[in-house]
Amino acid sequence: MQGIRGPADLKGERGAPGETGAPGRAGEAGPAGAIGPQGPSGARGPPGLKGDRGDPGETGAKGESGLAAVLFPDARSVVAKIFKMAGAVISYLGSEHQEQLAFPRSAAENEAVTQVVRAQKKNAYLSMNDISTEGKFTYPTGKILVYSNWANGEPNNSDEGQPENCVEIFPDGKWNDVPCSEQLLVICEF
């Protein structure tokens, strides 16, 4: 059996407020507002630390010095070096001063040596070699090359019967490994 419903116009008293519930989820962020005006520049900061030294790059060719032209009329100079043909055709092993032979350390120096070789229309020795360790070409000081201009497929040590421990430069400026007994032009570096 069901109870009897009371009259509709009677209301009860309002109860005390309940405890506050947990906060709801945050809604999505609204659109970005307009960009404000740029503020004033701040004070200049202290100077930064000095950077690391960069890699040595190629240096451009410097004009020929007047002194080089007077002392060595058929020589070529680059920065502080002068390259001069010694007027001899000898073997590398026959040269008493291999350390005075040209050893280009940049494209500009290689071009200066190339100009001397091109004028003579003959190949010339460079001072680098791999006599101490096969395949490891070094300067007369023993340091490894910082620049090279090998012809395609070179160095290859491919002369039959003789090791190719010395370096020659062609009139086009490319390098090749050759036996040190070859008779080639001598170009000195000052």
C-alpha atoms as a PDB file:
ATOM      1  CA  MET A   1       0.000   0.000   0.000  1.00  0.00           C
ATOM      2  CA  GLN A   2       1.144   3.462  -0.809  1.00  0.00           C
ATOM      3  CA  GLY A   3       1.000   6.547   1.415  1.00  0.00           C
ATOM      4  CA  ILE A   4      -1.201   9.537   0.774  1.00  0.00           C
ATOM      5  CA  ARG A   5       0.314  12.513  -0.814  1.00  0.00           C
ATOM      6  CA  GLY A   6      -0.004  15.821   1.064  1.00  0.00           C
ATOM      7  CA  PRO A   7      -1.242  19.140  -0.292  1.00  0.00           C
ATOM      8  CA  ALA A   8       1.017  20.766  -2.925  1.00  0.00           C
ATOM      9  CA  ASP A   9       1.132  24.201  -1.410  1.00  0.00           C
ATOM     10  CA  LEU A  10       2.961  23.258   1.761  1.00  0.00           C
ATOM     11  CA  LYS A  11       6.732  23.695   1.701  1.00  0.00           C
ATOM     12  CA  GLY A  12       9.223  22.737   4.297  1.00  0.00           C
ATOM     13  CA  GLU A  13      11.936  24.936   5.720  1.00  0.00           C
ATOM     14  CA  ARG A  14      15.168  25.298   3.868  1.00  0.00           C
ATOM     15  CA  GLY A  15      18.039  23.271   5.256  1.00  0.00           C
ATOM     16  CA  ALA A  16      21.554  24.465   6.178  1.00  0.00           C
ATOM     17  CA  PRO A  17      24.056  24.833   3.257  1.00  0.00           C
ATOM     18  CA  GLY A  18      26.177  21.753   2.572  1.00  0.00           C
ATOM     19  CA  GLU A  19      29.948  21.584   2.477  1.00  0.00           C
ATOM     20  CA  THR A  20      31.791  23.037  -0.562  1.00  0.00           C
ATOM     21  CA  GLY A  21      32.566  20.388  -3.149  1.00  0.00           C
ATOM     22  CA  ALA A  22      35.918  19.699  -4.831  1.00  0.00           C
ATOM     23  CA  PRO A  23      36.910  22.197  -7.592  1.00  0.00           C
ATOM     24  CA  GLY A  24      35.898  21.260 -11.111  1.00  0.00           C
ATOM     25  CA  ARG A  25      38.260  20.665 -14.088  1.00  0.00           C
ATOM     26  CA  ALA A  26      39.963  23.691 -15.618  1.00  0.00           C
ATOM     27  CA  GLY A  27      38.569  24.737 -18.956  1.00  0.00           C
ATOM     28  CA  GLU A  28      40.601  25.054 -22.181  1.00  0.00           C
ATOM     29  CA  ALA A  29      42.954  28.029 -22.526  1.00  0.00           C
ATOM     30  CA  GLY A  30      41.477  30.989 -24.302  1.00  0.00           C
ATOM     31  CA  PRO A  31      42.974  32.663 -27.391  1.00  0.00           C
ATOM     32  CA  ALA A  32      46.251  34.616 -27.029  1.00  0.00           C
ATOM     33  CA  GLY A  33      45.834  38.287 -26.354  1.00  0.00           C
ATOM     34  CA  ALA A  34      47.267  41.086 -28.466  1.00  0.00           C
ATOM     35  CA  ILE A  35      51.075  41.630 -28.311  1.00  0.00           C
ATOM     36  CA  GLY A  36      51.938  44.552 -26.096  1.00  0.00           C
ATOM     37  CA  PRO A  37      54.320  47.379 -27.004  1.00  0.00           C
ATOM     38  CA  GLN A  38      58.100  46.690 -26.856  1.00  0.00           C
ATOM     39  CA  GLY A  39      59.643  47.618 -23.546  1.00  0.00           C
ATOM     40  CA  PRO A  40      62.774  49.729 -23.117  1.00  0.00           C
ATOM     41  CA  SER A  41      66.185  48.089 -23.786  1.00  0.00           C
ATOM     42  CA  GLY A  42      68.033  46.835 -20.767  1.00  0.00           C
ATOM     43  CA  ALA A  43      71.533  47.866 -19.686  1.00  0.00           C
ATOM     44  CA  ARG A  44      74.427  46.408 -21.694  1.00  0.00           C
ATOM     45  CA  GLY A  45      75.824  43.258 -20.127  1.00  0.00           C
ATOM     46  CA  PRO A  46      79.509  42.550 -19.376  1.00  0.00           C
ATOM     47  CA  PRO A  47      81.705  41.437 -22.308  1.00  0.00           C
ATOM     48  CA  GLY A  48      81.667  37.702 -23.033  1.00  0.00           C
ATOM     49  CA  LEU A  49      84.599  35.335 -22.788  1.00  0.00           C
ATOM     50  CA  LYS A  50      87.010  35.141 -25.704  1.00  0.00           C
ATOM     51  CA  GLY A  51      86.048  32.375 -28.146  1.00  0.00           C
ATOM     52  CA  ASP A  52      88.148  29.388 -29.160  1.00  0.00           C
ATOM     53  CA  ARG A  53      90.648  29.880 -31.931  1.00  0.00           C
ATOM     54  CA  GLY A  54      89.249  28.788 -35.283  1.00  0.00           C
ATOM     55  CA  ASP A  55      90.697  26.155 -37.587  1.00  0.00           C
ATOM     56  CA  PRO A  56      93.493  27.433 -39.767  1.00  0.00           C
ATOM     57  CA  GLY A  57      91.890  28.072 -43.092  1.00  0.00           C
ATOM     58  CA  GLU A  58      93.258  28.729 -46.469  1.00  0.00           C
ATOM     59  CA  THR A  59      94.938  32.051 -46.778  1.00  0.00           C
ATOM     60  CA  GLY A  60      94.615  34.012 -49.924  1.00  0.00           C
ATOM     61  CA  ALA A  61      97.585  34.781 -52.075  1.00  0.00           C
ATOM     62  CA  LYS A  62      99.394  37.951 -51.183  1.00  0.00           C
ATOM     63  CA  GLY A  63     100.890  40.030 -53.922  1.00  0.00           C
ATOM     64  CA  GLU A  64     104.485  39.414 -54.841  1.00  0.00           C
ATOM     65  CA  SER A  65     106.949  41.433 -52.852  1.00  0.00           C
ATOM     66  CA  GLY A  66     109.176  43.870 -54.675  1.00  0.00           C
ATOM     67  CA  LEU A  67     112.187  42.381 -52.882  1.00  0.00           C
ATOM     68  CA  ALA A  68     111.374  38.902 -54.225  1.00  0.00           C
ATOM     69  CA  ALA A  69     111.126  40.271 -57.765  1.00  0.00           C
ATOM     70  CA  VAL A  70     114.522  41.982 -57.473  1.00  0.00           C
ATOM     71  CA  LEU A  71     116.397  39.127 -55.775  1.00  0.00           C
ATOM     72  CA  PHE A  72     114.600  36.259 -57.512  1.00  0.00           C
ATOM     73  CA  PRO A  73     113.176  37.465 -60.841  1.00  0.00           C
ATOM     74  CA  ASP A  74     111.612  34.100 -61.767  1.00  0.00           C
ATOM     75  CA  ALA A  75     110.445  33.271 -58.217  1.00  0.00           C
ATOM     76  CA  ARG A  76     106.917  33.370 -56.776  1.00  0.00           C
ATOM     77  CA  SER A  77     106.055  34.586 -53.287  1.00  0.00           C
ATOM     78  CA  VAL A  78     103.101  33.881 -51.037  1.00  0.00           C
ATOM     79  CA  VAL A  79     102.642  35.641 -47.698  1.00  0.00           C
ATOM     80  CA  ALA A  80     106.124  35.227 -46.143  1.00  0.00           C
ATOM     81  CA  LYS A  81     107.411  32.444 -48.421  1.00  0.00           C
ATOM     82  CA  ILE A  82     109.335  32.629 -51.680  1.00  0.00           C
ATOM     83  CA  PHE A  83     109.539  29.653 -54.058  1.00  0.00           C
ATOM     84  CA  LYS A  84     112.486  29.572 -56.471  1.00  0.00           C
ATOM     85  CA  MET A  85     113.681  26.973 -58.949  1.00  0.00           C
ATOM     86  CA  ALA A  86     117.196  25.937 -57.998  1.00  0.00           C
ATOM     87  CA  GLY A  87     118.182  25.339 -61.632  1.00  0.00           C
ATOM     88  CA  ALA A  88     118.959  21.679 -60.999  1.00  0.00           C
ATOM     89  CA  VAL A  89     117.431  18.368 -61.987  1.00  0.00           C
ATOM     90  CA  ILE A  90     118.493  15.756 -59.442  1.00  0.00           C
ATOM     91  CA  SER A  91     117.119  12.855 -57.428  1.00  0.00           C
ATOM     92  CA  TYR A  92     115.572  13.498 -54.032  1.00  0.00           C
ATOM     93  CA  LEU A  93     118.209  11.324 -52.415  1.00  0.00           C
ATOM     94  CA  GLY A  94     120.915  13.324 -54.249  1.00  0.00           C
ATOM     95  CA  SER A  95     119.689  16.579 -52.720  1.00  0.00           C
ATOM     96  CA  GLU A  96     121.659  17.541 -49.633  1.00  0.00           C
ATOM     97  CA  HIS A  97     118.929  19.863 -48.368  1.00  0.00           C
ATOM     98  CA  GLN A  98     115.574  18.105 -48.665  1.00  0.00           C
ATOM     99  CA  GLU A  99     114.234  20.362 -45.903  1.00  0.00           C
ATOM    100  CA  GLN A 100     114.690  23.398 -48.188  1.00  0.00           C
ATOM    101  CA  LEU A 101     112.559  21.879 -50.961  1.00  0.00           C
ATOM    102  CA  ALA A 102     109.132  23.484 -51.366  1.00  0.00           C
ATOM    103  CA  PHE A 103     106.323  22.149 -49.185  1.00  0.00           C
ATOM    104  CA  PRO A 104     103.030  23.925 -49.890  1.00  0.00           C
ATOM    105  CA  ARG A 105     100.741  24.254 -46.865  1.00  0.00           C
ATOM    106  CA  SER A 106      97.781  25.872 -48.652  1.00  0.00           C
ATOM    107  CA  ALA A 107      96.166  26.167 -52.072  1.00  0.00           C
ATOM    108  CA  ALA A 108      97.776  29.610 -52.513  1.00  0.00           C
ATOM    109  CA  GLU A 109     101.268  28.223 -51.828  1.00  0.00           C
ATOM    110  CA  ASN A 110     100.596  25.248 -54.095  1.00  0.00           C
ATOM    111  CA  GLU A 111      99.581  27.661 -56.879  1.00  0.00           C
ATOM    112  CA  ALA A 112     102.830  29.649 -56.451  1.00  0.00           C
ATOM    113  CA  VAL A 113     104.901  26.448 -56.756  1.00  0.00           C
ATOM    114  CA  THR A 114     102.738  25.369 -59.723  1.00  0.00           C
ATOM    115  CA  GLN A 115     103.567  28.617 -61.540  1.00  0.00           C
ATOM    116  CA  VAL A 116     107.304  27.918 -61.200  1.00  0.00           C
ATOM    117  CA  VAL A 117     106.823  24.302 -62.390  1.00  0.00           C
ATOM    118  CA  ARG A 118     104.564  25.353 -65.280  1.00  0.00           C
ATOM    119  CA  ALA A 119     107.169  27.864 -66.511  1.00  0.00           C
ATOM    120  CA  GLN A 120     109.754  25.035 -66.698  1.00  0.00           C
ATOM    121  CA  LYS A 121     107.293  22.496 -68.186  1.00  0.00           C
ATOM    122  CA  LYS A 122     108.790  19.782 -65.967  1.00  0.00           C
ATOM    123  CA  ASN A 123     107.741  18.016 -62.779  1.00  0.00           C
ATOM    124  CA  ALA A 124     109.498  19.002 -59.557  1.00  0.00           C
ATOM    125  CA  TYR A 125     110.102  17.478 -56.137  1.00  0.00           C
ATOM    126  CA  LEU A 126     108.237  18.603 -53.041  1.00  0.00           C
ATOM    127  CA  SER A 127     109.905  17.979 -49.688  1.00  0.00           C
ATOM    128  CA  MET A 128     107.230  15.699 -48.209  1.00  0.00           C
ATOM    129  CA  ASN A 129     107.794  11.931 -48.115  1.00  0.00           C
ATOM    130  CA  ASP A 130     106.661   8.697 -46.490  1.00  0.00           C
ATOM    131  CA  ILE A 131     110.134   7.198 -46.061  1.00  0.00           C
ATOM    132  CA  SER A 132     109.610   6.629 -42.294  1.00  0.00           C
ATOM    133  CA  THR A 133     106.116   5.091 -42.500  1.00  0.00           C
ATOM    134  CA  GLU A 134     104.606   3.864 -45.775  1.00  0.00           C
ATOM    135  CA  GLY A 135     101.450   5.789 -46.631  1.00  0.00           C
ATOM    136  CA  LYS A 136     101.999   8.479 -43.968  1.00  0.00           C
ATOM    137  CA  PHE A 137     103.407  11.503 -45.792  1.00  0.00           C
ATOM    138  CA  THR A 138     105.018  14.100 -43.552  1.00  0.00           C
ATOM    139  CA  TYR A 139     106.750  17.466 -43.805  1.00  0.00           C
ATOM    140  CA  PRO A 140     110.526  17.648 -43.244  1.00  0.00           C
ATOM    141  CA  THR A 141     109.733  18.465 -39.595  1.00  0.00           C
ATOM    142  CA  GLY A 142     107.987  15.096 -39.210  1.00  0.00           C
ATOM    143  CA  LYS A 143     104.517  16.660 -38.892  1.00  0.00           C
ATOM    144  CA  ILE A 144     101.660  15.212 -40.955  1.00  0.00           C
ATOM    145  CA  LEU A 145     100.333  17.152 -43.943  1.00  0.00           C
ATOM    146  CA  VAL A 146      97.820  19.939 -43.306  1.00  0.00           C
ATOM    147  CA  TYR A 147      97.242  20.387 -47.037  1.00  0.00           C
ATOM    148  CA  SER A 148      97.516  18.070 -50.023  1.00  0.00           C
ATOM    149  CA  ASN A 149      96.607  18.172 -53.709  1.00  0.00           C
ATOM    150  CA  TRP A 150      96.970  14.565 -54.850  1.00  0.00           C
ATOM    151  CA  ALA A 151      96.077  13.602 -58.415  1.00  0.00           C
ATOM    152  CA  ASN A 152      93.218  11.084 -58.728  1.00  0.00           C
ATOM    153  CA  GLY A 153      94.260   7.669 -57.407  1.00  0.00           C
ATOM    154  CA  GLU A 154      97.391   9.013 -55.716  1.00  0.00           C
ATOM    155  CA  PRO A 155      99.357   8.309 -53.628  1.00  0.00           C
ATOM    156  CA  ASN A 156      99.397   4.665 -54.719  1.00  0.00           C
ATOM    157  CA  ASN A 157     102.991   3.400 -54.267  1.00  0.00           C
ATOM    158  CA  SER A 158     102.555   1.514 -57.561  1.00  0.00           C
ATOM    159  CA  ASP A 159     105.954   1.756 -59.271  1.00  0.00           C
ATOM    160  CA  GLU A 160     107.025  -1.818 -59.933  1.00  0.00           C
ATOM    161  CA  GLY A 161     110.273  -2.675 -58.222  1.00  0.00           C
ATOM    162  CA  GLN A 162     110.760   0.586 -56.286  1.00  0.00           C
ATOM    163  CA  PRO A 163     108.775   2.115 -53.435  1.00  0.00           C
ATOM    164  CA  GLU A 164     107.266   5.529 -54.199  1.00  0.00           C
ATOM    165  CA  ASN A 165     108.262   7.438 -51.064  1.00  0.00           C
ATOM    166  CA  CYS A 166     108.739  10.936 -52.516  1.00  0.00           C
ATOM    167  CA  VAL A 167     106.307  13.519 -53.920  1.00  0.00           C
ATOM    168  CA  GLU A 168     106.393  15.298 -57.259  1.00  0.00           C
ATOM    169  CA  ILE A 169     104.227  18.197 -58.415  1.00  0.00           C
ATOM    170  CA  PHE A 170     102.939  18.351 -61.992  1.00  0.00           C
ATOM    171  CA  PRO A 171     102.611  21.574 -64.046  1.00  0.00           C
ATOM    172  CA  ASP A 172      98.853  21.437 -63.304  1.00  0.00           C
ATOM    173  CA  GLY A 173      99.555  21.579 -59.538  1.00  0.00           C
ATOM    174  CA  LYS A 174      98.519  17.979 -58.759  1.00  0.00           C
ATOM    175  CA  TRP A 175     100.778  15.693 -56.715  1.00  0.00           C
ATOM    176  CA  ASN A 176     102.018  12.151 -57.298  1.00  0.00           C
ATOM    177  CA  ASP A 177     104.140   9.760 -55.271  1.00  0.00           C
ATOM    178  CA  VAL A 178     107.341   8.697 -57.080  1.00  0.00           C
ATOM    179  CA  PRO A 179     110.535   6.776 -56.354  1.00  0.00           C
ATOM    180  CA  CYS A 180     113.077   9.066 -54.687  1.00  0.00           C
ATOM    181  CA  SER A 181     115.619   8.139 -57.384  1.00  0.00           C
ATOM    182  CA  GLU A 182     113.703  10.042 -60.123  1.00  0.00           C
ATOM    183  CA  GLN A 183     115.501  12.983 -61.731  1.00  0.00           C
ATOM    184  CA  LEU A 184     113.229  15.998 -61.181  1.00  0.00           C
ATOM    185  CA  LEU A 185     113.427  19.781 -60.885  1.00  0.00           C
ATOM    186  CA  VAL A 186     114.331  21.226 -57.513  1.00  0.00           C
ATOM    187  CA  ILE A 187     112.282  24.141 -56.191  1.00  0.00           C
ATOM    188  CA  CYS A 188     113.471  25.697 -52.967  1.00  0.00           C
ATOM    189  CA  GLU A 189     111.418  27.491 -50.341  1.00  0.00           C
ATOM    190  CA  PHE A 190     112.728  30.559 -48.515  1.00  0.00           C
END
